[in-house]
Amino acid sequence: MEAFDDLSAPEALELLARAPDPAAAARLTLRQISAALKRAGRYKVAERAERIQRALRGQQLTQPPVVADAYASAVAAQAAILAVLN
């Protein structure tokens, strides 16, 4: 995924759990993204948060709402599982 270098990283899992679909991800604020990065102990928080937000708000292929909702449910569940395993 363009927004994250490592989908199993704590900040990626937190943000995927919070915003599992493209519409919700695009609504994440810099403050929310920065907070997740800080909790994960990352450096260059402002720079990384802006890069992540740009990627999440960039043009993406879309699916019908029912398909997007199904994928969002799957992403949220998988993010929760990975967070527990990490």
Protein backbone atom coordinates (compact mmCIF):
# COMPACT_ATOMS: atom_id res chain seq x y z
CA MET A 1 0.00 0.00 0.00
CA GLU A 2 1.32 3.41 -0.91
CA ALA A 3 0.55 5.06 2.43
CA PHE A 4 2.50 2.64 4.64
CA ASP A 5 5.91 1.04 4.30
CA ASP A 6 4.88 -1.85 6.54
CA LEU A 7 1.23 -2.84 6.94
CA SER A 8 2.03 -4.72 10.14
CA ALA A 9 3.52 -1.62 11.82
CA PRO A 10 1.60 -0.38 14.87
CA GLU A 11 0.64 2.95 13.26
CA ALA A 12 -0.61 1.25 10.09
CA LEU A 13 -2.74 -1.20 12.07
CA GLU A 14 -4.16 1.58 14.24
CA LEU A 15 -5.09 3.74 11.27
CA LEU A 16 -6.49 0.80 9.28
CA ALA A 17 -8.65 -0.17 12.25
CA ARG A 18 -9.84 3.42 12.62
CA ALA A 19 -10.45 3.94 8.90
CA PRO A 20 -10.74 0.62 7.05
CA ASP A 21 -12.26 2.00 3.84
CA PRO A 22 -10.93 4.61 1.40
CA ALA A 23 -13.57 7.23 2.28
CA ALA A 24 -12.85 7.01 6.01
CA ALA A 25 -9.10 6.96 5.39
CA ALA A 26 -9.35 10.13 3.30
CA ARG A 27 -11.07 11.86 6.25
CA LEU A 28 -8.22 11.14 8.69
CA THR A 29 -6.73 14.40 9.91
CA LEU A 30 -3.05 15.20 10.24
CA ARG A 31 -3.59 15.27 14.00
CA GLN A 32 -5.02 11.72 14.02
CA ILE A 33 -2.24 10.40 11.80
CA SER A 34 0.45 12.19 13.82
CA ALA A 35 -0.93 10.82 17.07
CA ALA A 36 -0.75 7.26 15.74
CA LEU A 37 2.83 7.84 14.58
CA LYS A 38 3.82 9.26 17.98
CA ARG A 39 2.25 6.32 19.85
CA ALA A 40 4.28 4.02 17.61
CA GLY A 41 7.47 5.91 18.54
CA ARG A 42 8.19 7.15 15.02
CA TYR A 43 10.40 10.08 14.16
CA LYS A 44 9.86 12.81 11.53
CA VAL A 45 6.18 12.68 12.51
CA ALA A 46 5.02 15.78 10.62
CA GLU A 47 6.71 14.71 7.39
CA ARG A 48 5.41 11.15 7.61
CA ALA A 49 1.89 12.27 8.54
CA GLU A 50 1.70 14.54 5.51
CA ARG A 51 2.96 11.77 3.21
CA ILE A 52 0.44 9.29 4.60
CA GLN A 53 -2.41 11.78 4.32
CA ARG A 54 -1.51 12.61 0.70
CA ALA A 55 -1.51 8.92 -0.16
CA LEU A 56 -4.83 8.30 1.59
CA ARG A 57 -6.44 11.28 -0.16
CA GLY A 58 -4.98 10.53 -3.58
CA GLN A 59 -6.96 9.20 -6.50
CA GLN A 60 -7.87 5.56 -6.04
CA LEU A 61 -9.84 2.99 -7.91
CA THR A 62 -13.33 2.70 -6.46
CA GLN A 63 -15.71 -0.17 -5.92
CA PRO A 64 -19.48 -0.22 -5.53
CA PRO A 65 -20.46 0.73 -1.95
CA VAL A 66 -21.46 -2.81 -0.99
CA VAL A 67 -18.07 -4.16 -2.10
CA ALA A 68 -16.20 -1.32 -0.33
CA ASP A 69 -18.17 -2.05 2.86
CA ALA A 70 -17.30 -5.75 2.67
CA TYR A 71 -13.61 -5.00 2.19
CA ALA A 72 -13.73 -2.47 5.03
CA SER A 73 -15.12 -5.13 7.36
CA ALA A 74 -12.40 -7.55 6.33
CA VAL A 75 -9.65 -4.93 6.79
CA ALA A 76 -10.94 -3.95 10.24
CA ALA A 77 -11.04 -7.59 11.34
CA GLN A 78 -7.58 -8.36 9.98
CA ALA A 79 -6.11 -5.21 11.55
CA ALA A 80 -7.55 -6.25 14.92
CA ILE A 81 -6.09 -9.75 14.60
CA LEU A 82 -2.65 -8.42 13.63
CA ALA A 83 -2.69 -5.90 16.47
CA VAL A 84 -3.27 -8.71 18.95
CA LEU A 85 -0.57 -10.88 17.42
CA ASN A 86 1.99 -8.08 17.44
